[in-house]
Amino acid sequence: MMLLALAAEVSALRERLDTHERLAEEKQPPTTASVEAYAPTEAVEAARASARRSLIDRMTRVLLETRSDLSRDSAAPGEPDERG
């Protein structure tokens, strides 16, 4: 659970940094008010959603690989693991 909470924080920070960068490109000061008022376009929101999916995919892959490794390591000698 802690890993998921950390991933959520990383995702939120990435979006916040992206907002700061986009405001800078528009020559707007990155004040608290301007960051909070920023409304991403559909294209920006799509890019952010893709980045979130990518993060989730990477985390899921690592978790599943770790689970598979643990299952394989815990199989008793002579007993088949999950893969047969």
N, C-alpha and C. Protein backbone atom coordinates (compact mmCIF):
# COMPACT_ATOMS: atom_id res chain seq x y z
N MET A 1 0.82 -1.20 0.00
CA MET A 1 0.00 0.00 0.00
C MET A 1 0.87 1.26 0.00
N MET A 2 1.96 1.21 0.71
CA MET A 2 2.82 2.38 0.78
C MET A 2 3.37 2.73 -0.61
N LEU A 3 3.69 1.71 -1.39
CA LEU A 3 4.21 1.92 -2.73
C LEU A 3 3.18 2.63 -3.61
N LEU A 4 1.92 2.24 -3.48
CA LEU A 4 0.86 2.88 -4.25
C LEU A 4 0.68 4.34 -3.83
N ALA A 5 0.76 4.61 -2.55
CA ALA A 5 0.65 5.98 -2.07
C ALA A 5 1.80 6.83 -2.59
N LEU A 6 2.98 6.27 -2.59
CA LEU A 6 4.15 6.98 -3.11
C LEU A 6 3.99 7.25 -4.60
N ALA A 7 3.49 6.28 -5.34
CA ALA A 7 3.28 6.46 -6.78
C ALA A 7 2.26 7.55 -7.04
N ALA A 8 1.22 7.63 -6.23
CA ALA A 8 0.22 8.68 -6.39
C ALA A 8 0.84 10.05 -6.16
N GLU A 9 1.71 10.14 -5.16
CA GLU A 9 2.39 11.41 -4.88
C GLU A 9 3.33 11.80 -6.03
N VAL A 10 4.05 10.82 -6.56
CA VAL A 10 4.95 11.08 -7.69
C VAL A 10 4.15 11.58 -8.88
N SER A 11 3.03 10.95 -9.15
CA SER A 11 2.18 11.36 -10.26
C SER A 11 1.68 12.79 -10.08
N ALA A 12 1.23 13.10 -8.88
CA ALA A 12 0.74 14.46 -8.60
C ALA A 12 1.85 15.48 -8.75
N LEU A 13 3.04 15.14 -8.28
CA LEU A 13 4.18 16.06 -8.41
C LEU A 13 4.58 16.26 -9.86
N ARG A 14 4.52 15.20 -10.65
CA ARG A 14 4.82 15.32 -12.08
C ARG A 14 3.85 16.29 -12.75
N GLU A 15 2.56 16.14 -12.43
CA GLU A 15 1.56 17.03 -13.02
C GLU A 15 1.78 18.47 -12.57
N ARG A 16 2.12 18.64 -11.34
CA ARG A 16 2.37 19.99 -10.82
C ARG A 16 3.59 20.60 -11.52
N LEU A 17 4.65 19.83 -11.68
CA LEU A 17 5.84 20.32 -12.38
C LEU A 17 5.50 20.64 -13.83
N ASP A 18 4.72 19.80 -14.46
CA ASP A 18 4.29 20.05 -15.83
C ASP A 18 3.53 21.38 -15.92
N THR A 19 2.70 21.65 -14.94
CA THR A 19 1.97 22.91 -14.91
C THR A 19 2.93 24.09 -14.80
N HIS A 20 3.91 23.98 -13.93
CA HIS A 20 4.92 25.05 -13.79
C HIS A 20 5.65 25.28 -15.11
N GLU A 21 6.03 24.20 -15.76
CA GLU A 21 6.75 24.33 -17.03
C GLU A 21 5.88 24.98 -18.10
N ARG A 22 4.63 24.60 -18.16
CA ARG A 22 3.73 25.18 -19.15
C ARG A 22 3.46 26.66 -18.86
N LEU A 23 3.34 27.00 -17.60
CA LEU A 23 3.17 28.42 -17.25
C LEU A 23 4.41 29.21 -17.64
N ALA A 24 5.58 28.66 -17.42
CA ALA A 24 6.82 29.33 -17.78
C ALA A 24 6.90 29.54 -19.29
N GLU A 25 6.48 28.54 -20.06
CA GLU A 25 6.48 28.68 -21.52
C GLU A 25 5.55 29.79 -21.97
N GLU A 26 4.48 30.02 -21.22
CA GLU A 26 3.52 31.08 -21.53
C GLU A 26 3.92 32.41 -20.90
N LYS A 27 5.11 32.44 -20.29
CA LYS A 27 5.64 33.65 -19.64
C LYS A 27 4.74 34.13 -18.49
N GLN A 28 4.11 33.17 -17.81
CA GLN A 28 3.29 33.49 -16.65
C GLN A 28 4.06 33.10 -15.39
N PRO A 29 3.98 33.92 -14.36
CA PRO A 29 4.68 33.55 -13.12
C PRO A 29 4.00 32.35 -12.47
N PRO A 30 4.78 31.40 -11.97
CA PRO A 30 4.19 30.21 -11.35
C PRO A 30 3.79 30.46 -9.90
N THR A 31 2.83 31.32 -9.72
CA THR A 31 2.34 31.59 -8.37
C THR A 31 1.38 30.48 -7.95
N THR A 32 1.10 30.42 -6.68
CA THR A 32 0.13 29.43 -6.19
C THR A 32 -1.20 29.60 -6.91
N ALA A 33 -1.62 30.83 -7.07
CA ALA A 33 -2.90 31.10 -7.72
C ALA A 33 -2.89 30.66 -9.18
N SER A 34 -1.81 30.95 -9.91
CA SER A 34 -1.77 30.58 -11.33
C SER A 34 -1.68 29.06 -11.51
N VAL A 35 -0.96 28.40 -10.62
CA VAL A 35 -0.86 26.94 -10.69
C VAL A 35 -2.22 26.32 -10.40
N GLU A 36 -2.89 26.79 -9.37
CA GLU A 36 -4.21 26.25 -9.01
C GLU A 36 -5.26 26.55 -10.08
N ALA A 37 -5.13 27.68 -10.76
CA ALA A 37 -6.11 28.08 -11.78
C ALA A 37 -5.85 27.45 -13.14
N TYR A 38 -4.67 26.85 -13.32
CA TYR A 38 -4.33 26.28 -14.62
C TYR A 38 -5.32 25.21 -15.02
N ALA A 39 -5.81 25.32 -16.25
CA ALA A 39 -6.74 24.32 -16.79
C ALA A 39 -6.08 23.67 -17.99
N PRO A 40 -5.67 22.42 -17.87
CA PRO A 40 -4.99 21.75 -18.98
C PRO A 40 -5.93 21.56 -20.17
N THR A 41 -5.35 21.65 -21.36
CA THR A 41 -6.12 21.38 -22.57
C THR A 41 -6.38 19.88 -22.66
N GLU A 42 -7.21 19.49 -23.61
CA GLU A 42 -7.47 18.06 -23.79
C GLU A 42 -6.18 17.32 -24.15
N ALA A 43 -5.33 17.94 -24.95
CA ALA A 43 -4.07 17.31 -25.35
C ALA A 43 -3.15 17.14 -24.14
N VAL A 44 -3.08 18.15 -23.29
CA VAL A 44 -2.25 18.06 -22.08
C VAL A 44 -2.81 16.99 -21.15
N GLU A 45 -4.12 16.96 -20.99
CA GLU A 45 -4.73 15.95 -20.13
C GLU A 45 -4.49 14.55 -20.67
N ALA A 46 -4.54 14.39 -21.99
CA ALA A 46 -4.27 13.09 -22.60
C ALA A 46 -2.82 12.66 -22.36
N ALA A 47 -1.89 13.60 -22.47
CA ALA A 47 -0.48 13.30 -22.22
C ALA A 47 -0.27 12.91 -20.77
N ARG A 48 -0.94 13.60 -19.87
CA ARG A 48 -0.82 13.29 -18.44
C ARG A 48 -1.42 11.92 -18.15
N ALA A 49 -2.55 11.60 -18.75
CA ALA A 49 -3.18 10.30 -18.55
C ALA A 49 -2.26 9.19 -19.06
N SER A 50 -1.61 9.42 -20.19
CA SER A 50 -0.67 8.45 -20.73
C SER A 50 0.51 8.24 -19.78
N ALA A 51 1.01 9.32 -19.19
CA ALA A 51 2.12 9.21 -18.24
C ALA A 51 1.69 8.43 -17.00
N ARG A 52 0.46 8.67 -16.53
CA ARG A 52 -0.05 7.92 -15.37
C ARG A 52 -0.15 6.43 -15.69
N ARG A 53 -0.69 6.11 -16.87
CA ARG A 53 -0.81 4.70 -17.27
C ARG A 53 0.56 4.05 -17.36
N SER A 54 1.52 4.78 -17.89
CA SER A 54 2.88 4.25 -18.01
C SER A 54 3.47 3.96 -16.63
N LEU A 55 3.26 4.87 -15.69
CA LEU A 55 3.75 4.66 -14.32
C LEU A 55 3.09 3.43 -13.70
N ILE A 56 1.78 3.31 -13.87
CA ILE A 56 1.05 2.17 -13.32
C ILE A 56 1.53 0.88 -13.97
N ASP A 57 1.73 0.91 -15.29
CA ASP A 57 2.22 -0.29 -15.99
C ASP A 57 3.59 -0.72 -15.47
N ARG A 58 4.48 0.25 -15.29
CA ARG A 58 5.82 -0.08 -14.78
C ARG A 58 5.75 -0.66 -13.37
N MET A 59 4.94 -0.04 -12.53
CA MET A 59 4.80 -0.53 -11.15
C MET A 59 4.20 -1.93 -11.14
N THR A 60 3.16 -2.13 -11.92
CA THR A 60 2.48 -3.42 -11.96
C THR A 60 3.44 -4.50 -12.44
N ARG A 61 4.22 -4.20 -13.48
CA ARG A 61 5.17 -5.17 -14.00
C ARG A 61 6.17 -5.57 -12.92
N VAL A 62 6.71 -4.58 -12.22
CA VAL A 62 7.68 -4.87 -11.17
C VAL A 62 7.05 -5.69 -10.05
N LEU A 63 5.84 -5.32 -9.64
CA LEU A 63 5.17 -6.06 -8.57
C LEU A 63 4.87 -7.49 -8.99
N LEU A 64 4.40 -7.69 -10.22
CA LEU A 64 4.10 -9.04 -10.69
C LEU A 64 5.36 -9.88 -10.84
N GLU A 65 6.44 -9.26 -11.32
CA GLU A 65 7.70 -9.99 -11.44
C GLU A 65 8.21 -10.39 -10.05
N THR A 66 8.10 -9.49 -9.09
CA THR A 66 8.54 -9.79 -7.73
C THR A 66 7.71 -10.92 -7.14
N ARG A 67 6.41 -10.86 -7.36
CA ARG A 67 5.52 -11.90 -6.86
C ARG A 67 5.87 -13.25 -7.48
N SER A 68 6.11 -13.23 -8.78
CA SER A 68 6.48 -14.46 -9.48
C SER A 68 7.79 -15.02 -8.94
N ASP A 69 8.76 -14.13 -8.73
CA ASP A 69 10.06 -14.56 -8.18
C ASP A 69 9.89 -15.16 -6.79
N LEU A 70 9.06 -14.53 -5.97
CA LEU A 70 8.85 -15.04 -4.62
C LEU A 70 8.16 -16.40 -4.65
N SER A 71 7.19 -16.55 -5.53
CA SER A 71 6.49 -17.83 -5.63
C SER A 71 7.43 -18.93 -6.09
N ARG A 72 8.27 -18.61 -7.05
CA ARG A 72 9.21 -19.59 -7.58
C ARG A 72 10.22 -19.98 -6.50
N ASP A 73 10.70 -18.98 -5.74
CA ASP A 73 11.68 -19.24 -4.69
C ASP A 73 11.10 -20.03 -3.53
N SER A 74 9.79 -19.89 -3.29
CA SER A 74 9.19 -20.57 -2.14
C SER A 74 8.71 -21.98 -2.46
N ALA A 75 8.73 -22.37 -3.74
CA ALA A 75 8.32 -23.73 -4.09
C ALA A 75 9.31 -24.72 -3.48
N ALA A 76 8.77 -25.75 -2.90
CA ALA A 76 9.62 -26.78 -2.27
C ALA A 76 10.40 -27.51 -3.35
N PRO A 77 11.59 -27.96 -3.01
CA PRO A 77 12.39 -28.71 -4.00
C PRO A 77 11.59 -29.90 -4.55
N GLY A 78 11.61 -30.03 -5.85
CA GLY A 78 10.88 -31.15 -6.46
C GLY A 78 9.45 -30.81 -6.78
N GLU A 79 8.91 -29.73 -6.22
CA GLU A 79 7.54 -29.33 -6.53
C GLU A 79 7.56 -28.30 -7.64
N PRO A 80 6.64 -28.39 -8.59
CA PRO A 80 6.60 -27.40 -9.66
C PRO A 80 6.12 -26.05 -9.13
N ASP A 81 6.64 -25.00 -9.72
CA ASP A 81 6.16 -23.68 -9.33
C ASP A 81 4.95 -23.35 -10.19
N GLU A 82 4.51 -22.09 -10.21
CA GLU A 82 3.31 -21.67 -10.92
C GLU A 82 3.39 -22.00 -12.40
N ARG A 83 4.60 -22.00 -12.95
CA ARG A 83 4.75 -22.24 -14.38
C ARG A 83 4.70 -23.71 -14.74
N GLY A 84 4.67 -24.57 -13.75
CA GLY A 84 4.56 -26.01 -14.02
C GLY A 84 5.87 -26.64 -13.88
